[in-house]
Amino acid sequence: MISKFFGAGIVAAAILASPIAVRAADLPSPTYKAPAYTSPSYANWSGFYVGLNGAYGFGKSNWSAGAVTTGDFNVTGGMAGGTLGYNFQTGSWVWGLEGDLDWSGMKGSTTTNCPASCETKNDWFGTARGRIGYAGWSNWLPYLTGGAAFGNIKGTSGTASVTKTNIGYALGAGVEYAFLGAWSAKVEYLYADIGKATCPAGTCAVANDIKFKTNLVRVGLNYRF
């Protein structure tokens, strides 16, 4: 009697288990799914920023009085100062305005056609420029820049001296890299021409035009708000 109930139980269990086995056979086999692709992070360049910059300048000056000239001579030295700017980003393009004001130690002299020695010196230098950059390569921003340049030209020959503040132009290019959220570092090149100063005949032995042009290689560190 017990064996009959036991046998019936085995048959019933087999009947109940068969649909489960069929459904299990219909289940799809597990497959590996690769993690979703995450694009690299891109900096948001929009907003105001302030910073510090340092530069090395290597330029040319000459003194001329009519047909008599010293010819070009080297004017070199370091610069350091502050930067203030604003960027507006539209897609991958960044449009900006930037200004800077630096102490300058650039100077040079010659004795060619100037027995008392002619020295040209630049004590301070600044720019006010527009910038356009491309932000399509992760946190890098290559850019072109151009605008006004201004500074003083100081000419000294013997006991005679003249100083004039001039406005000219600056053109250049650079690349900036964003890191740690709001920080960025840059390297840029600028060519600047701030015109000439004139030492009048009453000051110098004869009237002299003193020209000054420079190339600047700069580094900077900025913080965006």
Protein backbone atom coordinates (compact mmCIF):
# COMPACT_ATOMS: atom_id res chain seq x y z
CA MET A 1 0.00 0.00 0.00
CA ILE A 2 2.78 2.42 0.97
CA SER A 3 4.67 1.54 -2.16
CA LYS A 4 1.61 2.43 -4.28
CA PHE A 5 1.36 5.92 -2.64
CA PHE A 6 5.13 6.44 -3.01
CA GLY A 7 5.00 5.52 -6.69
CA ALA A 8 2.04 7.82 -7.26
CA GLY A 9 3.91 10.67 -5.60
CA ILE A 10 6.89 10.22 -7.89
CA VAL A 11 4.62 10.29 -10.95
CA ALA A 12 2.83 13.47 -9.72
CA ALA A 13 6.14 15.23 -9.02
CA ALA A 14 7.37 14.39 -12.51
CA ILE A 15 4.17 15.79 -14.06
CA LEU A 16 4.48 19.05 -12.06
CA ALA A 17 8.17 19.45 -12.82
CA SER A 18 7.88 19.02 -16.57
CA PRO A 19 6.37 22.51 -17.36
CA ILE A 20 9.09 24.16 -15.25
CA ALA A 21 11.75 22.31 -17.18
CA VAL A 22 10.18 23.36 -20.48
CA ARG A 23 10.05 27.01 -19.42
CA ALA A 24 13.66 26.87 -18.20
CA ALA A 25 14.70 25.51 -21.57
CA ASP A 26 12.99 28.47 -23.25
CA LEU A 27 14.90 31.05 -21.16
CA PRO A 28 17.66 32.89 -23.12
CA SER A 29 21.20 31.99 -22.21
CA PRO A 30 23.04 34.72 -20.23
CA THR A 31 25.20 37.02 -22.37
CA TYR A 32 28.00 39.48 -21.38
CA LYS A 33 27.17 43.14 -21.95
CA ALA A 34 30.06 45.61 -22.22
CA PRO A 35 29.82 48.74 -20.06
CA ALA A 36 28.39 51.78 -21.79
CA TYR A 37 30.93 54.09 -23.45
CA THR A 38 31.59 57.28 -21.54
CA SER A 39 32.90 60.18 -23.55
CA PRO A 40 35.89 62.12 -22.19
CA SER A 41 35.13 65.12 -20.00
CA TYR A 42 35.24 68.59 -21.57
CA ALA A 43 35.90 71.83 -19.76
CA ASN A 44 33.32 74.59 -19.65
CA TRP A 45 35.31 77.72 -20.48
CA SER A 46 32.53 80.28 -19.98
CA GLY A 47 32.85 82.93 -17.29
CA PHE A 48 35.23 85.45 -15.76
CA TYR A 49 38.76 84.49 -14.77
CA VAL A 50 41.79 86.03 -13.07
CA GLY A 51 45.38 84.89 -13.17
CA LEU A 52 49.11 85.47 -13.03
CA ASN A 53 51.54 85.48 -15.93
CA GLY A 54 55.27 85.55 -16.51
CA ALA A 55 57.13 86.14 -19.76
CA TYR A 56 60.48 86.48 -21.44
CA GLY A 57 60.74 89.18 -24.06
CA PHE A 58 63.25 89.46 -26.89
CA GLY A 59 62.84 92.44 -29.15
CA LYS A 60 64.52 95.14 -31.23
CA SER A 61 64.99 98.87 -30.90
CA ASN A 62 66.71 101.51 -32.98
CA TRP A 63 67.47 105.19 -32.68
CA SER A 64 67.38 107.29 -35.84
CA ALA A 65 68.01 110.95 -36.63
CA GLY A 66 67.38 111.51 -40.31
CA ALA A 67 69.72 109.26 -42.29
CA VAL A 68 71.84 108.45 -39.22
CA THR A 69 70.71 105.38 -37.33
CA THR A 70 72.02 102.99 -34.73
CA GLY A 71 70.51 100.06 -36.60
CA ASP A 72 68.52 97.44 -34.73
CA PHE A 73 69.87 96.29 -31.38
CA ASN A 74 68.56 93.70 -28.93
CA VAL A 75 66.20 94.58 -26.09
CA THR A 76 65.56 91.63 -23.75
CA GLY A 77 64.26 90.88 -20.26
CA GLY A 78 61.56 89.32 -18.13
CA MET A 79 57.99 90.34 -17.36
CA ALA A 80 55.50 89.42 -14.64
CA GLY A 81 52.00 90.55 -13.82
CA GLY A 82 48.28 89.84 -13.62
CA THR A 83 45.54 88.80 -16.05
CA LEU A 84 41.79 89.45 -16.16
CA GLY A 85 39.42 88.00 -18.76
CA TYR A 86 36.03 86.68 -19.79
CA ASN A 87 35.08 83.73 -22.04
CA PHE A 88 31.80 82.86 -23.74
CA GLN A 89 31.48 79.33 -25.15
CA THR A 90 29.15 78.33 -28.00
CA GLY A 91 29.51 74.62 -28.74
CA SER A 92 33.18 73.92 -29.35
CA TRP A 93 34.08 77.58 -29.95
CA VAL A 94 35.24 79.93 -27.22
CA TRP A 95 35.12 83.72 -27.64
CA GLY A 96 36.88 85.89 -25.12
CA LEU A 97 38.33 89.20 -24.02
CA GLU A 98 41.57 89.32 -22.05
CA GLY A 99 43.65 92.08 -20.49
CA ASP A 100 46.96 92.00 -18.66
CA LEU A 101 49.34 94.45 -17.02
CA ASP A 102 52.98 93.54 -16.33
CA TRP A 103 56.12 94.90 -14.76
CA SER A 104 58.84 94.76 -17.41
CA GLY A 105 62.61 94.50 -17.15
CA MET A 106 63.30 94.70 -20.86
CA LYS A 107 66.25 96.85 -21.91
CA GLY A 108 69.17 97.04 -24.34
CA SER A 109 71.80 99.49 -25.57
CA THR A 110 74.23 100.22 -28.39
CA THR A 111 77.15 102.55 -29.17
CA THR A 112 76.73 102.32 -32.96
CA ASN A 113 76.51 105.95 -34.18
CA CYS A 114 75.91 106.84 -30.53
CA PRO A 115 79.23 107.41 -28.66
CA ALA A 116 77.48 108.21 -25.36
CA SER A 117 75.55 104.89 -25.63
CA CYS A 118 71.87 104.79 -26.51
CA GLU A 119 69.70 102.68 -24.20
CA THR A 120 66.06 101.69 -24.72
CA LYS A 121 64.08 100.43 -21.75
CA ASN A 122 60.53 99.22 -21.18
CA ASP A 123 59.35 99.46 -17.53
CA TRP A 124 55.77 98.25 -17.90
CA PHE A 125 53.67 96.56 -20.54
CA GLY A 126 50.02 95.61 -21.03
CA THR A 127 47.56 94.34 -23.61
CA ALA A 128 43.78 94.32 -24.23
CA ARG A 129 42.96 91.56 -26.70
CA GLY A 130 40.22 89.43 -28.17
CA ARG A 131 40.58 85.63 -28.26
CA ILE A 132 38.97 82.87 -30.30
CA GLY A 133 39.64 79.26 -29.38
CA TYR A 134 38.54 75.74 -30.25
CA ALA A 135 37.49 73.51 -27.33
CA GLY A 136 36.93 70.29 -29.25
CA TRP A 137 39.88 68.34 -27.83
CA SER A 138 39.00 67.38 -24.25
CA ASN A 139 40.38 70.03 -21.85
CA TRP A 140 42.69 71.68 -24.39
CA LEU A 141 41.96 75.13 -25.85
CA PRO A 142 44.20 76.28 -28.72
CA TYR A 143 43.49 79.91 -29.60
CA LEU A 144 44.38 82.95 -31.68
CA THR A 145 44.53 86.40 -30.12
CA GLY A 146 45.01 90.02 -31.13
CA GLY A 147 44.35 93.57 -30.02
CA ALA A 148 45.96 96.62 -28.44
CA ALA A 149 49.35 96.71 -26.71
CA PHE A 150 50.59 99.56 -24.57
CA GLY A 151 53.62 100.44 -22.49
CA ASN A 152 56.37 102.95 -21.99
CA ILE A 153 59.49 103.54 -24.07
CA LYS A 154 62.34 105.11 -22.14
CA GLY A 155 65.36 106.32 -24.10
CA THR A 156 68.59 107.40 -22.39
CA SER A 157 71.78 108.70 -23.95
CA GLY A 158 74.40 110.16 -21.63
CA THR A 159 72.55 112.64 -19.41
CA ALA A 160 69.63 112.99 -21.84
CA SER A 161 66.49 110.94 -21.22
CA VAL A 162 62.93 110.77 -22.53
CA THR A 163 59.95 108.57 -21.56
CA LYS A 164 56.75 108.15 -23.51
CA THR A 165 53.67 105.93 -23.08
CA ASN A 166 52.55 104.46 -26.39
CA ILE A 167 49.69 102.35 -27.73
CA GLY A 168 50.31 99.83 -30.50
CA TYR A 169 49.16 96.31 -31.32
CA ALA A 170 49.79 92.68 -30.32
CA LEU A 171 49.11 89.47 -32.25
CA GLY A 172 49.71 85.89 -31.23
CA ALA A 173 48.55 82.38 -30.46
CA GLY A 174 48.56 79.98 -27.54
CA VAL A 175 47.15 76.88 -25.93
CA GLU A 176 45.40 76.56 -22.56
CA TYR A 177 44.68 73.43 -20.52
CA ALA A 178 41.90 73.15 -17.91
CA PHE A 179 42.38 71.02 -14.78
CA LEU A 180 40.88 70.60 -11.30
CA GLY A 181 37.60 72.15 -12.38
CA ALA A 182 38.19 75.90 -12.41
CA TRP A 183 41.96 76.07 -12.96
CA SER A 184 43.83 76.37 -16.25
CA ALA A 185 47.42 76.84 -17.39
CA LYS A 186 48.54 78.40 -20.67
CA VAL A 187 51.52 78.99 -22.92
CA GLU A 188 51.34 81.74 -25.55
CA TYR A 189 53.40 83.74 -28.00
CA LEU A 190 52.80 87.44 -28.73
CA TYR A 191 54.37 89.85 -31.17
CA ALA A 192 53.94 93.46 -30.06
CA ASP A 193 54.82 96.82 -31.59
CA ILE A 194 54.25 99.89 -29.40
CA GLY A 195 55.56 102.42 -31.89
CA LYS A 196 58.19 105.04 -31.11
CA ALA A 197 59.18 107.82 -28.74
CA THR A 198 60.90 111.00 -29.89
CA CYS A 199 63.73 112.61 -27.98
CA PRO A 200 63.54 116.29 -29.02
CA ALA A 201 66.59 118.30 -30.02
CA GLY A 202 66.33 120.32 -26.83
CA THR A 203 66.86 117.14 -24.80
CA CYS A 204 69.11 115.05 -27.04
CA ALA A 205 71.91 116.56 -29.14
CA VAL A 206 69.69 116.02 -32.19
CA ALA A 207 66.08 114.85 -32.49
CA ASN A 208 65.88 111.06 -32.34
CA ASP A 209 63.07 108.59 -33.01
CA ILE A 210 63.27 105.56 -30.70
CA LYS A 211 61.38 102.47 -31.90
CA PHE A 212 60.54 99.37 -29.87
CA LYS A 213 59.15 95.99 -30.97
CA THR A 214 59.16 92.73 -29.02
CA ASN A 215 58.38 89.03 -29.06
CA LEU A 216 56.96 87.54 -25.87
CA VAL A 217 56.83 83.92 -24.75
CA ARG A 218 54.48 83.71 -21.78
CA VAL A 219 53.11 81.22 -19.31
CA GLY A 220 50.07 81.80 -17.14
CA LEU A 221 47.88 80.30 -14.46
CA ASN A 222 44.17 81.25 -14.36
CA TYR A 223 41.18 80.62 -12.10
CA ARG A 224 37.64 80.73 -13.56
CA PHE A 225 34.63 81.86 -11.54
